Amino acid sequence: MRQPQLPLTDLDRLSVDEICSNGIHHSREVKRAHALSCLDRGIPEAQTLDVLGMGRTALWRTRSAYLQGGVAHAIFDVARAGRPVVYGTDAKARVTALPCSAPPKGRQRCTLVELERAAHQEVGLGAVSRKTVRRRLKKRPQALAAADVVHRRTHRKGLPLHARPACAVCQTTA
């Protein structure tokens, strides 16, 4: 394989070395930084591909991205388009806290329909659906606050079950 030269500037070399040595980056970013460092040092391309476990196209794309836009363009991913977040963390926390309130009189717990109606009364949660409430409350300890929670001790059949009182989960008094 041919070995094209890719000389990094001193500032770029420092930032690549920092990314390689710092443990707060994604593994793909560290791998791209190592690839740029290998290209800068003149290490043969075949050896770089074998050691880093990259394909030729990935190395080629990293090299061309560096030449087009510098280290930041070559190493870090561009933000991808996606559906915008509908509910923020405050709204999600309010939905999660709904089952912690007292259930209606004569009931031990609220149904999803009642939780949905309660969410519609909250400010900023007018358009929340029952499916959103269900997804938000699924497998969360706060969702189990209105009743005793039963857990299996192990995954084997025939072993006893144990119960935990609901007030231990959410610290509410009903």
Protein backbone atom coordinates (compact mmCIF):
# COMPACT_ATOMS: atom_id res chain seq x y z
CA MET A 1 0.00 0.00 0.00
CA ARG A 2 1.08 3.51 -0.61
CA GLN A 3 1.84 5.72 2.33
CA PRO A 4 0.60 9.30 1.87
CA GLN A 5 2.05 11.89 4.17
CA LEU A 6 -0.24 13.77 6.52
CA PRO A 7 1.77 16.26 8.54
CA LEU A 8 -0.19 17.64 11.49
CA THR A 9 0.44 21.12 12.82
CA ASP A 10 1.85 21.41 16.34
CA LEU A 11 -1.51 22.55 17.71
CA ASP A 12 -3.33 19.70 15.96
CA ARG A 13 -0.77 17.20 17.24
CA LEU A 14 -1.33 18.42 20.81
CA SER A 15 -5.10 18.12 20.52
CA VAL A 16 -4.84 14.63 18.97
CA ASP A 17 -2.51 13.49 21.76
CA GLU A 18 -4.90 14.91 24.36
CA ILE A 19 -7.83 13.02 22.84
CA CYS A 20 -5.81 9.79 22.77
CA SER A 21 -4.71 10.11 26.40
CA ASN A 22 -7.92 11.51 27.90
CA GLY A 23 -10.62 9.01 28.87
CA ILE A 24 -13.72 11.11 28.25
CA HIS A 25 -14.14 10.56 24.50
CA HIS A 26 -16.06 7.92 22.58
CA SER A 27 -14.02 4.97 21.35
CA ARG A 28 -14.60 5.85 17.69
CA GLU A 29 -13.21 9.34 18.33
CA VAL A 30 -10.14 7.91 20.04
CA LYS A 31 -9.65 5.49 17.16
CA ARG A 32 -9.79 8.33 14.64
CA ALA A 33 -7.30 10.32 16.73
CA HIS A 34 -4.95 7.33 16.81
CA ALA A 35 -5.31 7.02 13.03
CA LEU A 36 -4.34 10.68 12.55
CA SER A 37 -1.40 10.22 14.89
CA CYS A 38 -0.20 7.18 12.96
CA LEU A 39 -0.50 9.02 9.66
CA ASP A 40 1.47 11.92 11.13
CA ARG A 41 4.26 9.66 12.39
CA GLY A 42 4.61 7.91 9.04
CA ILE A 43 3.58 4.46 10.28
CA PRO A 44 2.70 2.22 7.33
CA GLU A 45 -0.96 2.21 6.45
CA ALA A 46 -1.27 -1.58 6.57
CA GLN A 47 0.11 -1.66 10.11
CA THR A 48 -2.22 1.14 11.18
CA LEU A 49 -5.23 -0.72 9.78
CA ASP A 50 -4.23 -3.96 11.52
CA VAL A 51 -3.50 -2.43 14.91
CA LEU A 52 -6.53 -0.14 15.05
CA GLY A 53 -8.92 -2.60 13.44
CA MET A 54 -10.09 -0.07 10.89
CA GLY A 55 -11.02 -0.46 7.27
CA ARG A 56 -9.26 1.36 4.47
CA THR A 57 -12.30 3.53 3.83
CA ALA A 58 -12.51 4.63 7.46
CA LEU A 59 -8.86 5.65 7.38
CA TRP A 60 -9.33 7.39 4.04
CA ARG A 61 -12.40 9.28 5.33
CA THR A 62 -10.56 10.36 8.47
CA ARG A 63 -7.63 11.62 6.39
CA SER A 64 -9.83 13.51 3.93
CA ALA A 65 -11.96 15.00 6.72
CA TYR A 66 -8.78 16.32 8.37
CA LEU A 67 -7.63 17.87 5.11
CA GLN A 68 -11.05 19.50 4.61
CA GLY A 69 -11.80 20.79 8.08
CA GLY A 70 -9.05 20.06 10.58
CA VAL A 71 -8.95 17.89 13.68
CA ALA A 72 -12.44 18.66 14.96
CA HIS A 73 -14.01 17.75 11.62
CA ALA A 74 -11.99 14.55 11.33
CA ILE A 75 -12.46 13.19 14.84
CA PHE A 76 -15.84 14.32 16.16
CA ASP A 77 -19.16 13.30 14.66
CA VAL A 78 -21.49 15.91 13.27
CA ALA A 79 -24.80 16.17 15.10
CA ARG A 80 -27.32 13.99 13.33
CA ALA A 81 -30.83 15.00 12.52
CA GLY A 82 -33.56 13.39 14.55
CA ARG A 83 -36.88 13.98 16.09
CA PRO A 84 -36.73 16.88 18.55
CA VAL A 85 -37.38 16.19 22.22
CA VAL A 86 -41.05 16.76 23.01
CA TYR A 87 -40.90 16.74 26.81
CA GLY A 88 -37.99 18.04 28.84
CA THR A 89 -36.60 16.51 31.99
CA ASP A 90 -38.92 18.58 34.21
CA ALA A 91 -41.99 17.29 32.40
CA LYS A 92 -40.72 13.72 32.58
CA ALA A 93 -40.13 14.09 36.31
CA ARG A 94 -43.67 15.38 36.81
CA VAL A 95 -45.11 12.40 34.91
CA THR A 96 -42.97 10.05 36.99
CA ALA A 97 -44.23 11.68 40.21
CA LEU A 98 -47.93 11.28 39.30
CA PRO A 99 -48.35 7.78 40.83
CA CYS A 100 -46.83 9.03 44.09
CA SER A 101 -49.94 11.11 44.74
CA ALA A 102 -52.86 9.65 46.67
CA PRO A 103 -55.15 7.36 44.61
CA PRO A 104 -58.88 8.15 44.29
CA LYS A 105 -61.13 7.24 47.21
CA GLY A 106 -62.05 3.58 47.31
CA ARG A 107 -59.04 2.56 45.21
CA GLN A 108 -55.61 1.23 46.01
CA ARG A 109 -53.95 2.57 42.88
CA CYS A 110 -54.56 4.73 39.82
CA THR A 111 -55.12 3.37 36.33
CA LEU A 112 -53.21 4.66 33.33
CA VAL A 113 -56.31 6.51 32.15
CA GLU A 114 -56.54 8.34 35.47
CA LEU A 115 -52.82 9.12 35.39
CA GLU A 116 -53.25 10.46 31.86
CA ARG A 117 -56.10 12.71 33.02
CA ALA A 118 -53.98 13.93 35.92
CA ALA A 119 -51.15 14.67 33.49
CA HIS A 120 -53.51 16.72 31.31
CA GLN A 121 -54.25 18.92 34.32
CA GLU A 122 -50.54 19.63 34.85
CA VAL A 123 -49.12 22.77 33.26
CA GLY A 124 -47.15 21.95 30.13
CA LEU A 125 -48.36 18.34 29.88
CA GLY A 126 -51.63 18.97 28.08
CA ALA A 127 -50.86 16.83 25.03
CA VAL A 128 -49.30 13.86 26.81
CA SER A 129 -50.79 10.54 25.70
CA ARG A 130 -51.53 7.39 27.65
CA LYS A 131 -48.75 5.61 25.78
CA THR A 132 -46.25 8.28 26.82
CA VAL A 133 -47.33 7.96 30.45
CA ARG A 134 -47.03 4.16 30.27
CA ARG A 135 -43.57 4.30 28.68
CA ARG A 136 -42.36 6.83 31.23
CA LEU A 137 -43.59 4.79 34.18
CA LYS A 138 -42.46 1.40 32.96
CA LYS A 139 -39.97 -0.31 35.30
CA ARG A 140 -39.44 2.77 37.41
CA PRO A 141 -39.58 2.39 41.20
CA GLN A 142 -41.62 5.60 41.46
CA ALA A 143 -44.37 4.06 39.34
CA LEU A 144 -44.91 1.30 41.88
CA ALA A 145 -45.64 3.57 44.83
CA ALA A 146 -49.38 3.02 45.14
CA ALA A 147 -49.25 -0.73 45.91
CA ASP A 148 -47.05 -3.35 47.44
CA VAL A 149 -44.37 -4.52 45.05
CA VAL A 150 -43.74 -8.21 44.54
CA HIS A 151 -40.36 -9.38 43.29
CA ARG A 152 -39.00 -12.81 42.53
CA ARG A 153 -35.90 -13.68 44.51
CA THR A 154 -34.42 -15.68 41.65
CA HIS A 155 -35.43 -16.63 38.15
CA ARG A 156 -36.09 -20.28 39.06
CA LYS A 157 -39.63 -21.53 39.40
CA GLY A 158 -40.97 -22.65 42.72
CA LEU A 159 -38.94 -20.36 44.93
CA PRO A 160 -40.78 -18.02 47.30
CA LEU A 161 -41.68 -14.44 46.52
CA HIS A 162 -41.12 -11.51 48.81
CA ALA A 163 -43.02 -8.23 49.01
CA ARG A 164 -41.81 -4.74 49.66
CA PRO A 165 -44.19 -2.06 50.93
CA ALA A 166 -44.90 0.75 48.51
CA CYS A 167 -44.05 3.50 50.97
CA ALA A 168 -40.45 2.24 50.96
CA VAL A 169 -40.22 3.07 47.27
CA CYS A 170 -41.66 6.56 47.13
CA GLN A 171 -41.89 7.68 50.76
CA THR A 172 -45.55 8.73 50.50
CA THR A 173 -48.33 8.21 52.93
CA ALA A 174 -51.66 7.28 51.43
